[in-house]
Amino acid sequence: MKAIIRVGGKQYIVTEKQTLLVDLQGDSKDLDLEPLMVFDDKEAKVGTPVVKGASVKVKILEAEVKGEKLQIAKFEAKKRVKKITGHRQKHTKIEVTKITA
């Protein structure tokens, strides 16, 4: 069984026992998310906008995981000005525990 969920403005295709990094902020350890679509090999249920009666149970493993560092460079032509800054996005590591349709 697979499901499409929306977390932090992005959509993810998830299966049970899958871990992923999402842009989510919160302190609770367990979440119930409403899927946009639930499907398996035989049938698919599409929601408008969410599937009624279906849920995806998610467990938060780590609250703040830093992503890889991005280098941002700014140049000004003919002025010999160069400025380099960096950014590391904070993610939340979650695990999908159960998908019910």
PDB file of N, CA and C in Angstrom:
ATOM      1  N   MET A   1       0.844  -1.169   0.000  1.00  0.00           N
ATOM      2  CA  MET A   1       0.000   0.000   0.000  1.00  0.00           C
ATOM      3  C   MET A   1       0.893   1.237   0.000  1.00  0.00           C
ATOM      4  N   LYS A   2       0.578   2.178  -0.864  1.00  0.00           N
ATOM      5  CA  LYS A   2       1.301   3.441  -0.959  1.00  0.00           C
ATOM      6  C   LYS A   2       0.314   4.584  -0.823  1.00  0.00           C
ATOM      7  N   ALA A   3       0.836   5.737  -0.441  1.00  0.00           N
ATOM      8  CA  ALA A   3      -0.004   6.916  -0.291  1.00  0.00           C
ATOM      9  C   ALA A   3       0.777   8.150  -0.707  1.00  0.00           C
ATOM     10  N   ILE A   4       0.030   9.166  -1.126  1.00  0.00           N
ATOM     11  CA  ILE A   4       0.622  10.469  -1.422  1.00  0.00           C
ATOM     12  C   ILE A   4       0.162  11.416  -0.321  1.00  0.00           C
ATOM     13  N   ILE A   5       1.132  12.011   0.395  1.00  0.00           N
ATOM     14  CA  ILE A   5       0.819  12.920   1.491  1.00  0.00           C
ATOM     15  C   ILE A   5       1.397  14.296   1.183  1.00  0.00           C
ATOM     16  N   ARG A   6       0.833  15.308   1.847  1.00  0.00           N
ATOM     17  CA  ARG A   6       1.337  16.671   1.693  1.00  0.00           C
ATOM     18  C   ARG A   6       1.856  17.133   3.051  1.00  0.00           C
ATOM     19  N   VAL A   7       3.158  17.459   3.106  1.00  0.00           N
ATOM     20  CA  VAL A   7       3.798  17.927   4.340  1.00  0.00           C
ATOM     21  C   VAL A   7       4.665  19.129   3.985  1.00  0.00           C
ATOM     22  N   GLY A   8       4.441  20.233   4.646  1.00  0.00           N
ATOM     23  CA  GLY A   8       5.264  21.410   4.443  1.00  0.00           C
ATOM     24  C   GLY A   8       5.164  21.991   3.045  1.00  0.00           C
ATOM     25  N   GLY A   9       4.007  21.870   2.395  1.00  0.00           N
ATOM     26  CA  GLY A   9       3.823  22.423   1.064  1.00  0.00           C
ATOM     27  C   GLY A   9       4.360  21.555  -0.052  1.00  0.00           C
ATOM     28  N   LYS A  10       4.871  20.372   0.254  1.00  0.00           N
ATOM     29  CA  LYS A  10       5.399  19.453  -0.754  1.00  0.00           C
ATOM     30  C   LYS A  10       4.642  18.133  -0.666  1.00  0.00           C
ATOM     31  N   GLN A  11       4.617  17.396  -1.768  1.00  0.00           N
ATOM     32  CA  GLN A  11       3.940  16.111  -1.795  1.00  0.00           C
ATOM     33  C   GLN A  11       4.965  14.990  -1.903  1.00  0.00           C
ATOM     34  N   TYR A  12       4.718  13.894  -1.161  1.00  0.00           N
ATOM     35  CA  TYR A  12       5.626  12.757  -1.127  1.00  0.00           C
ATOM     36  C   TYR A  12       4.841  11.469  -1.351  1.00  0.00           C
ATOM     37  N   ILE A  13       5.415  10.524  -2.104  1.00  0.00           N
ATOM     38  CA  ILE A  13       4.876   9.182  -2.217  1.00  0.00           C
ATOM     39  C   ILE A  13       5.555   8.351  -1.143  1.00  0.00           C
ATOM     40  N   VAL A  14       4.753   7.747  -0.238  1.00  0.00           N
ATOM     41  CA  VAL A  14       5.323   7.033   0.896  1.00  0.00           C
ATOM     42  C   VAL A  14       4.756   5.619   0.971  1.00  0.00           C
ATOM     43  N   THR A  15       5.549   4.734   1.578  1.00  0.00           N
ATOM     44  CA  THR A  15       5.126   3.379   1.905  1.00  0.00           C
ATOM     45  C   THR A  15       5.364   3.168   3.399  1.00  0.00           C
ATOM     46  N   GLU A  16       4.880   2.056   3.928  1.00  0.00           N
ATOM     47  CA  GLU A  16       5.086   1.770   5.347  1.00  0.00           C
ATOM     48  C   GLU A  16       6.559   1.476   5.616  1.00  0.00           C
ATOM     49  N   LYS A  17       7.029   1.845   6.808  1.00  0.00           N
ATOM     50  CA  LYS A  17       8.407   1.668   7.280  1.00  0.00           C
ATOM     51  C   LYS A  17       9.418   2.507   6.495  1.00  0.00           C
ATOM     52  N   GLN A  18       8.975   3.548   5.818  1.00  0.00           N
ATOM     53  CA  GLN A  18       9.869   4.412   5.067  1.00  0.00           C
ATOM     54  C   GLN A  18      10.243   5.620   5.917  1.00  0.00           C
ATOM     55  N   THR A  19      11.513   6.035   5.856  1.00  0.00           N
ATOM     56  CA  THR A  19      11.949   7.245   6.547  1.00  0.00           C
ATOM     57  C   THR A  19      12.297   8.295   5.505  1.00  0.00           C
ATOM     58  N   LEU A  20      11.991   9.554   5.826  1.00  0.00           N
ATOM     59  CA  LEU A  20      12.324  10.636   4.913  1.00  0.00           C
ATOM     60  C   LEU A  20      12.484  11.930   5.679  1.00  0.00           C
ATOM     61  N   LEU A  21      13.127  12.898   5.048  1.00  0.00           N
ATOM     62  CA  LEU A  21      13.344  14.225   5.616  1.00  0.00           C
ATOM     63  C   LEU A  21      12.330  15.188   5.020  1.00  0.00           C
ATOM     64  N   VAL A  22      11.587  15.885   5.881  1.00  0.00           N
ATOM     65  CA  VAL A  22      10.566  16.814   5.425  1.00  0.00           C
ATOM     66  C   VAL A  22      10.752  18.156   6.116  1.00  0.00           C
ATOM     67  N   ASP A  23      10.151  19.196   5.535  1.00  0.00           N
ATOM     68  CA  ASP A  23      10.156  20.529   6.142  1.00  0.00           C
ATOM     69  C   ASP A  23       8.929  20.642   7.029  1.00  0.00           C
ATOM     70  N   LEU A  24       9.093  20.223   8.279  1.00  0.00           N
ATOM     71  CA  LEU A  24       7.989  20.186   9.225  1.00  0.00           C
ATOM     72  C   LEU A  24       8.518  20.649  10.568  1.00  0.00           C
ATOM     73  N   GLN A  25       7.725  21.437  11.282  1.00  0.00           N
ATOM     74  CA  GLN A  25       8.163  21.879  12.589  1.00  0.00           C
ATOM     75  C   GLN A  25       7.085  21.577  13.599  1.00  0.00           C
ATOM     76  N   GLY A  26       7.475  20.953  14.689  1.00  0.00           N
ATOM     77  CA  GLY A  26       6.540  20.597  15.745  1.00  0.00           C
ATOM     78  C   GLY A  26       7.242  19.762  16.788  1.00  0.00           C
ATOM     79  N   ASP A  27       6.621  19.646  17.946  1.00  0.00           N
ATOM     80  CA  ASP A  27       7.238  18.923  19.042  1.00  0.00           C
ATOM     81  C   ASP A  27       6.598  17.566  19.305  1.00  0.00           C
ATOM     82  N   SER A  28       5.441  17.290  18.721  1.00  0.00           N
ATOM     83  CA  SER A  28       4.764  16.028  19.017  1.00  0.00           C
ATOM     84  C   SER A  28       5.527  14.861  18.390  1.00  0.00           C
ATOM     85  N   LYS A  29       5.359  13.680  18.966  1.00  0.00           N
ATOM     86  CA  LYS A  29       6.094  12.504  18.510  1.00  0.00           C
ATOM     87  C   LYS A  29       5.325  11.698  17.469  1.00  0.00           C
ATOM     88  N   ASP A  30       3.985  11.739  17.502  1.00  0.00           N
ATOM     89  CA  ASP A  30       3.169  10.998  16.554  1.00  0.00           C
ATOM     90  C   ASP A  30       2.215  11.951  15.852  1.00  0.00           C
ATOM     91  N   LEU A  31       2.030  11.738  14.553  1.00  0.00           N
ATOM     92  CA  LEU A  31       1.127  12.566  13.763  1.00  0.00           C
ATOM     93  C   LEU A  31       0.200  11.680  12.952  1.00  0.00           C
ATOM     94  N   ASP A  32      -1.003  12.157  12.685  1.00  0.00           N
ATOM     95  CA  ASP A  32      -1.921  11.522  11.751  1.00  0.00           C
ATOM     96  C   ASP A  32      -2.096  12.472  10.577  1.00  0.00           C
ATOM     97  N   LEU A  33      -1.694  12.047   9.400  1.00  0.00           N
ATOM     98  CA  LEU A  33      -1.815  12.866   8.204  1.00  0.00           C
ATOM     99  C   LEU A  33      -2.919  12.306   7.316  1.00  0.00           C
ATOM    100  N   GLU A  34      -3.594  13.197   6.596  1.00  0.00           N
ATOM    101  CA  GLU A  34      -4.630  12.768   5.664  1.00  0.00           C
ATOM    102  C   GLU A  34      -4.014  12.662   4.273  1.00  0.00           C
ATOM    103  N   PRO A  35      -4.125  11.502   3.631  1.00  0.00           N
ATOM    104  CA  PRO A  35      -3.501  11.328   2.314  1.00  0.00           C
ATOM    105  C   PRO A  35      -4.331  11.952   1.196  1.00  0.00           C
ATOM    106  N   LEU A  36      -3.645  12.389   0.155  1.00  0.00           N
ATOM    107  CA  LEU A  36      -4.310  12.909  -1.030  1.00  0.00           C
ATOM    108  C   LEU A  36      -4.746  11.775  -1.947  1.00  0.00           C
ATOM    109  N   MET A  37      -3.996  10.648  -1.886  1.00  0.00           N
ATOM    110  CA  MET A  37      -4.294   9.487  -2.728  1.00  0.00           C
ATOM    111  C   MET A  37      -3.749   8.248  -2.040  1.00  0.00           C
ATOM    112  N   VAL A  38      -4.504   7.147  -2.086  1.00  0.00           N
ATOM    113  CA  VAL A  38      -4.077   5.867  -1.543  1.00  0.00           C
ATOM    114  C   VAL A  38      -4.215   4.841  -2.658  1.00  0.00           C
ATOM    115  N   PHE A  39      -3.142   4.042  -2.890  1.00  0.00           N
ATOM    116  CA  PHE A  39      -3.208   3.075  -3.983  1.00  0.00           C
ATOM    117  C   PHE A  39      -2.354   1.859  -3.681  1.00  0.00           C
ATOM    118  N   ASP A  40      -2.689   0.770  -4.347  1.00  0.00           N
ATOM    119  CA  ASP A  40      -1.891  -0.457  -4.330  1.00  0.00           C
ATOM    120  C   ASP A  40      -1.940  -1.046  -5.738  1.00  0.00           C
ATOM    121  N   ASP A  41      -1.614  -2.332  -5.882  1.00  0.00           N
ATOM    122  CA  ASP A  41      -1.563  -2.933  -7.212  1.00  0.00           C
ATOM    123  C   ASP A  41      -2.936  -3.056  -7.866  1.00  0.00           C
ATOM    124  N   LYS A  42      -3.997  -3.169  -7.072  1.00  0.00           N
ATOM    125  CA  LYS A  42      -5.316  -3.459  -7.616  1.00  0.00           C
ATOM    126  C   LYS A  42      -6.215  -2.242  -7.783  1.00  0.00           C
ATOM    127  N   GLU A  43      -6.168  -1.309  -6.834  1.00  0.00           N
ATOM    128  CA  GLU A  43      -7.091  -0.180  -6.900  1.00  0.00           C
ATOM    129  C   GLU A  43      -6.430   1.094  -6.379  1.00  0.00           C
ATOM    130  N   ALA A  44      -7.092   2.209  -6.674  1.00  0.00           N
ATOM    131  CA  ALA A  44      -6.606   3.515  -6.223  1.00  0.00           C
ATOM    132  C   ALA A  44      -7.792   4.340  -5.752  1.00  0.00           C
ATOM    133  N   LYS A  45      -7.587   5.086  -4.670  1.00  0.00           N
ATOM    134  CA  LYS A  45      -8.603   5.998  -4.156  1.00  0.00           C
ATOM    135  C   LYS A  45      -8.026   7.404  -4.218  1.00  0.00           C
ATOM    136  N   VAL A  46      -8.710   8.279  -4.928  1.00  0.00           N
ATOM    137  CA  VAL A  46      -8.258   9.653  -5.088  1.00  0.00           C
ATOM    138  C   VAL A  46      -9.186  10.548  -4.289  1.00  0.00           C
ATOM    139  N   GLY A  47      -8.623  11.443  -3.512  1.00  0.00           N
ATOM    140  CA  GLY A  47      -9.399  12.339  -2.678  1.00  0.00           C
ATOM    141  C   GLY A  47      -9.675  13.666  -3.345  1.00  0.00           C
ATOM    142  N   THR A  48     -10.691  14.368  -2.835  1.00  0.00           N
ATOM    143  CA  THR A  48     -10.998  15.707  -3.318  1.00  0.00           C
ATOM    144  C   THR A  48     -11.120  16.651  -2.133  1.00  0.00           C
ATOM    145  N   PRO A  49     -10.143  17.217  -1.564  1.00  0.00           N
ATOM    146  CA  PRO A  49      -8.713  17.088  -1.779  1.00  0.00           C
ATOM    147  C   PRO A  49      -8.069  15.927  -1.021  1.00  0.00           C
ATOM    148  N   VAL A  50      -8.721  15.396   0.043  1.00  0.00           N
ATOM    149  CA  VAL A  50      -8.141  14.275   0.786  1.00  0.00           C
ATOM    150  C   VAL A  50      -9.092  13.088   0.725  1.00  0.00           C
ATOM    151  N   VAL A  51      -8.558  11.880   0.952  1.00  0.00           N
ATOM    152  CA  VAL A  51      -9.357  10.663   0.942  1.00  0.00           C
ATOM    153  C   VAL A  51     -10.095  10.563   2.280  1.00  0.00           C
ATOM    154  N   LYS A  52     -11.407  10.439   2.223  1.00  0.00           N
ATOM    155  CA  LYS A  52     -12.219  10.349   3.445  1.00  0.00           C
ATOM    156  C   LYS A  52     -11.994   8.998   4.116  1.00  0.00           C
ATOM    157  N   GLY A  53     -11.770   9.003   5.421  1.00  0.00           N
ATOM    158  CA  GLY A  53     -11.611   7.775   6.187  1.00  0.00           C
ATOM    159  C   GLY A  53     -10.229   7.159   6.132  1.00  0.00           C
ATOM    160  N   ALA A  54      -9.314   7.710   5.366  1.00  0.00           N
ATOM    161  CA  ALA A  54      -7.958   7.171   5.266  1.00  0.00           C
ATOM    162  C   ALA A  54      -7.023   8.014   6.122  1.00  0.00           C
ATOM    163  N   SER A  55      -5.960   7.390   6.610  1.00  0.00           N
ATOM    164  CA  SER A  55      -4.982   8.126   7.401  1.00  0.00           C
ATOM    165  C   SER A  55      -3.610   7.495   7.254  1.00  0.00           C
ATOM    166  N   VAL A  56      -2.611   8.305   7.475  1.00  0.00           N
ATOM    167  CA  VAL A  56      -1.213   7.868   7.462  1.00  0.00           C
ATOM    168  C   VAL A  56      -0.637   8.245   8.817  1.00  0.00           C
ATOM    169  N   LYS A  57      -0.188   7.261   9.574  1.00  0.00           N
ATOM    170  CA  LYS A  57       0.397   7.502  10.888  1.00  0.00           C
ATOM    171  C   LYS A  57       1.906   7.676  10.726  1.00  0.00           C
ATOM    172  N   VAL A  58       2.431   8.748  11.309  1.00  0.00           N
ATOM    173  CA  VAL A  58       3.832   9.131  11.156  1.00  0.00           C
ATOM    174  C   VAL A  58       4.434   9.317  12.536  1.00  0.00           C
ATOM    175  N   LYS A  59       5.662   8.817  12.712  1.00  0.00           N
ATOM    176  CA  LYS A  59       6.400   8.988  13.965  1.00  0.00           C
ATOM    177  C   LYS A  59       7.619   9.865  13.698  1.00  0.00           C
ATOM    178  N   ILE A  60       7.826  10.884  14.527  1.00  0.00           N
ATOM    179  CA  ILE A  60       8.971  11.781  14.363  1.00  0.00           C
ATOM    180  C   ILE A  60      10.174  11.150  15.043  1.00  0.00           C
ATOM    181  N   LEU A  61      11.242  10.925  14.266  1.00  0.00           N
ATOM    182  CA  LEU A  61      12.459  10.322  14.808  1.00  0.00           C
ATOM    183  C   LEU A  61      13.415  11.377  15.356  1.00  0.00           C
ATOM    184  N   GLU A  62      13.696  12.414  14.572  1.00  0.00           N
ATOM    185  CA  GLU A  62      14.572  13.503  15.008  1.00  0.00           C
ATOM    186  C   GLU A  62      13.920  14.822  14.640  1.00  0.00           C
ATOM    187  N   ALA A  63      13.984  15.787  15.563  1.00  0.00           N
ATOM    188  CA  ALA A  63      13.283  17.048  15.356  1.00  0.00           C
ATOM    189  C   ALA A  63      14.042  17.987  14.421  1.00  0.00           C
ATOM    190  N   GLU A  64      15.341  18.145  14.606  1.00  0.00           N
ATOM    191  CA  GLU A  64      16.086  19.080  13.769  1.00  0.00           C
ATOM    192  C   GLU A  64      17.307  18.393  13.188  1.00  0.00           C
ATOM    193  N   VAL A  65      17.253  18.125  11.906  1.00  0.00           N
ATOM    194  CA  VAL A  65      18.382  17.550  11.175  1.00  0.00           C
ATOM    195  C   VAL A  65      18.796  18.590  10.150  1.00  0.00           C
ATOM    196  N   LYS A  66      20.064  18.951  10.142  1.00  0.00           N
ATOM    197  CA  LYS A  66      20.528  19.954   9.195  1.00  0.00           C
ATOM    198  C   LYS A  66      20.830  19.308   7.846  1.00  0.00           C
ATOM    199  N   GLY A  67      20.392  19.969   6.792  1.00  0.00           N
ATOM    200  CA  GLY A  67      20.662  19.503   5.438  1.00  0.00           C
ATOM    201  C   GLY A  67      22.064  19.891   5.020  1.00  0.00           C
ATOM    202  N   GLU A  68      22.378  19.607   3.772  1.00  0.00           N
ATOM    203  CA  GLU A  68      23.721  19.943   3.287  1.00  0.00           C
ATOM    204  C   GLU A  68      23.845  21.447   3.082  1.00  0.00           C
ATOM    205  N   LYS A  69      25.076  21.951   3.145  1.00  0.00           N
ATOM    206  CA  LYS A  69      25.317  23.382   3.067  1.00  0.00           C
ATOM    207  C   LYS A  69      25.250  23.848   1.619  1.00  0.00           C
ATOM    208  N   LEU A  70      24.528  24.935   1.406  1.00  0.00           N
ATOM    209  CA  LEU A  70      24.431  25.554   0.093  1.00  0.00           C
ATOM    210  C   LEU A  70      25.280  26.808   0.084  1.00  0.00           C
ATOM    211  N   GLN A  71      26.077  26.974  -0.935  1.00  0.00           N
ATOM    212  CA  GLN A  71      26.915  28.159  -1.087  1.00  0.00           C
ATOM    213  C   GLN A  71      26.203  29.151  -1.998  1.00  0.00           C
ATOM    214  N   ILE A  72      26.074  30.395  -1.539  1.00  0.00           N
ATOM    215  CA  ILE A  72      25.455  31.450  -2.314  1.00  0.00           C
ATOM    216  C   ILE A  72      26.522  32.490  -2.604  1.00  0.00           C
ATOM    217  N   ALA A  73      26.776  32.749  -3.875  1.00  0.00           N
ATOM    218  CA  ALA A  73      27.813  33.701  -4.268  1.00  0.00           C
ATOM    219  C   ALA A  73      27.173  34.875  -5.001  1.00  0.00           C
ATOM    220  N   LYS A  74      27.589  36.088  -4.632  1.00  0.00           N
ATOM    221  CA  LYS A  74      27.105  37.298  -5.292  1.00  0.00           C
ATOM    222  C   LYS A  74      28.316  38.058  -5.813  1.00  0.00           C
ATOM    223  N   PHE A  75      28.242  38.469  -7.062  1.00  0.00           N
ATOM    224  CA  PHE A  75      29.329  39.202  -7.697  1.00  0.00           C
ATOM    225  C   PHE A  75      28.800  40.511  -8.251  1.00  0.00           C
ATOM    226  N   GLU A  76      29.658  41.534  -8.237  1.00  0.00           N
ATOM    227  CA  GLU A  76      29.347  42.777  -8.917  1.00  0.00           C
ATOM    228  C   GLU A  76      30.379  42.963 -10.015  1.00  0.00           C
ATOM    229  N   ALA A  77      29.901  43.088 -11.219  1.00  0.00           N
ATOM    230  CA  ALA A  77      30.793  43.196 -12.374  1.00  0.00           C
ATOM    231  C   ALA A  77      31.582  44.505 -12.332  1.00  0.00           C
ATOM    232  N   LYS A  78      32.842  44.418 -12.671  1.00  0.00           N
ATOM    233  CA  LYS A  78      33.761  45.557 -12.813  1.00  0.00           C
ATOM    234  C   LYS A  78      33.994  46.312 -11.511  1.00  0.00           C
ATOM    235  N   LYS A  79      33.677  45.739 -10.365  1.00  0.00           N
ATOM    236  CA  LYS A  79      33.878  46.412  -9.088  1.00  0.00           C
ATOM    237  C   LYS A  79      34.788  45.606  -8.158  1.00  0.00           C
ATOM    238  N   ARG A  80      35.148  44.392  -8.524  1.00  0.00           N
ATOM    239  CA  ARG A  80      35.962  43.491  -7.707  1.00  0.00           C
ATOM    240  C   ARG A  80      35.312  43.203  -6.350  1.00  0.00           C
ATOM    241  N   VAL A  81      33.994  43.012  -6.358  1.00  0.00           N
ATOM    242  CA  VAL A  81      33.246  42.704  -5.146  1.00  0.00           C
ATOM    243  C   VAL A  81      32.732  41.280  -5.253  1.00  0.00           C
ATOM    244  N   LYS A  82      33.065  40.481  -4.251  1.00  0.00           N
ATOM    245  CA  LYS A  82      32.618  39.093  -4.220  1.00  0.00           C
ATOM    246  C   LYS A  82      32.164  38.786  -2.798  1.00  0.00           C
ATOM    247  N   LYS A  83      30.946  38.257  -2.666  1.00  0.00           N
ATOM    248  CA  LYS A  83      30.409  37.939  -1.350  1.00  0.00           C
ATOM    249  C   LYS A  83      29.876  36.509  -1.387  1.00  0.00           C
ATOM    250  N   ILE A  84      30.347  35.663  -0.460  1.00  0.00           N
ATOM    251  CA  ILE A  84      29.915  34.270  -0.399  1.00  0.00           C
ATOM    252  C   ILE A  84      29.295  34.020   0.975  1.00  0.00           C
ATOM    253  N   THR A  85      28.069  33.502   0.972  1.00  0.00           N
ATOM    254  CA  THR A  85      27.391  33.132   2.194  1.00  0.00           C
ATOM    255  C   THR A  85      26.910  31.692   2.071  1.00  0.00           C
ATOM    256  N   GLY A  86      26.465  31.123   3.163  1.00  0.00           N
ATOM    257  CA  GLY A  86      25.987  29.746   3.143  1.00  0.00           C
ATOM    258  C   GLY A  86      24.675  29.610   3.900  1.00  0.00           C
ATOM    259  N   HIS A  87      24.019  28.478   3.666  1.00  0.00           N
ATOM    260  CA  HIS A  87      22.739  28.214   4.312  1.00  0.00           C
ATOM    261  C   HIS A  87      22.568  26.711   4.491  1.00  0.00           C
ATOM    262  N   ARG A  88      22.084  26.287   5.673  1.00  0.00           N
ATOM    263  CA  ARG A  88      21.755  24.885   5.924  1.00  0.00           C
ATOM    264  C   ARG A  88      20.309  24.819   6.391  1.00  0.00           C
ATOM    265  N   GLN A  89      19.458  24.182   5.593  1.00  0.00           N
ATOM    266  CA  GLN A  89      18.042  24.061   5.921  1.00  0.00           C
ATOM    267  C   GLN A  89      17.848  23.029   7.020  1.00  0.00           C
ATOM    268  N   LYS A  90      16.947  23.302   7.951  1.00  0.00           N
ATOM    269  CA  LYS A  90      16.629  22.353   9.014  1.00  0.00           C
ATOM    270  C   LYS A  90      15.438  21.494   8.580  1.00  0.00           C
ATOM    271  N   HIS A  91      15.579  20.182   8.713  1.00  0.00           N
ATOM    272  CA  HIS A  91      14.551  19.228   8.338  1.00  0.00           C
ATOM    273  C   HIS A  91      14.119  18.432   9.558  1.00  0.00           C
ATOM    274  N   THR A  92      13.033  17.696   9.424  1.00  0.00           N
ATOM    275  CA  THR A  92      12.561  16.766  10.436  1.00  0.00           C
ATOM    276  C   THR A  92      12.577  15.376   9.833  1.00  0.00           C
ATOM    277  N   LYS A  93      13.177  14.417  10.545  1.00  0.00           N
ATOM    278  CA  LYS A  93      13.241  13.041  10.064  1.00  0.00           C
ATOM    279  C   LYS A  93      12.035  12.287  10.595  1.00  0.00           C
ATOM    280  N   ILE A  94      11.223  11.745   9.673  1.00  0.00           N
ATOM    281  CA  ILE A  94      10.007  11.031  10.072  1.00  0.00           C
ATOM    282  C   ILE A  94      10.026   9.609   9.527  1.00  0.00           C
ATOM    283  N   GLU A  95       9.223   8.749  10.149  1.00  0.00           N
ATOM    284  CA  GLU A  95       9.047   7.376   9.695  1.00  0.00           C
ATOM    285  C   GLU A  95       7.549   7.111   9.570  1.00  0.00           C
ATOM    286  N   VAL A  96       7.139   6.553   8.431  1.00  0.00           N
ATOM    287  CA  VAL A  96       5.739   6.196   8.213  1.00  0.00           C
ATOM    288  C   VAL A  96       5.501   4.849   8.874  1.00  0.00           C
ATOM    289  N   THR A  97       4.609   4.797   9.854  1.00  0.00           N
ATOM    290  CA  THR A  97       4.373   3.554  10.589  1.00  0.00           C
ATOM    291  C   THR A  97       3.213   2.760  10.037  1.00  0.00           C
ATOM    292  N   LYS A  98       2.120   3.422   9.631  1.00  0.00           N
ATOM    293  CA  LYS A  98       0.950   2.681   9.175  1.00  0.00           C
ATOM    294  C   LYS A  98       0.135   3.503   8.177  1.00  0.00           C
ATOM    295  N   ILE A  99      -0.352   2.839   7.134  1.00  0.00           N
ATOM    296  CA  ILE A  99      -1.235   3.446   6.159  1.00  0.00           C
ATOM    297  C   ILE A  99      -2.553   2.689   6.197  1.00  0.00           C
ATOM    298  N   THR A 100      -3.645   3.397   6.484  1.00  0.00           N
ATOM    299  CA  THR A 100      -4.959   2.756   6.498  1.00  0.00           C
ATOM    300  C   THR A 100      -5.857   3.418   5.464  1.00  0.00           C
ATOM    301  N   ALA A 101      -6.598   2.598   4.758  1.00  0.00           N
ATOM    302  CA  ALA A 101      -7.519   3.104   3.751  1.00  0.00           C
ATOM    303  C   ALA A 101      -8.909   2.803   4.218  1.00  0.00           C
TER     304      ALA A 101
END
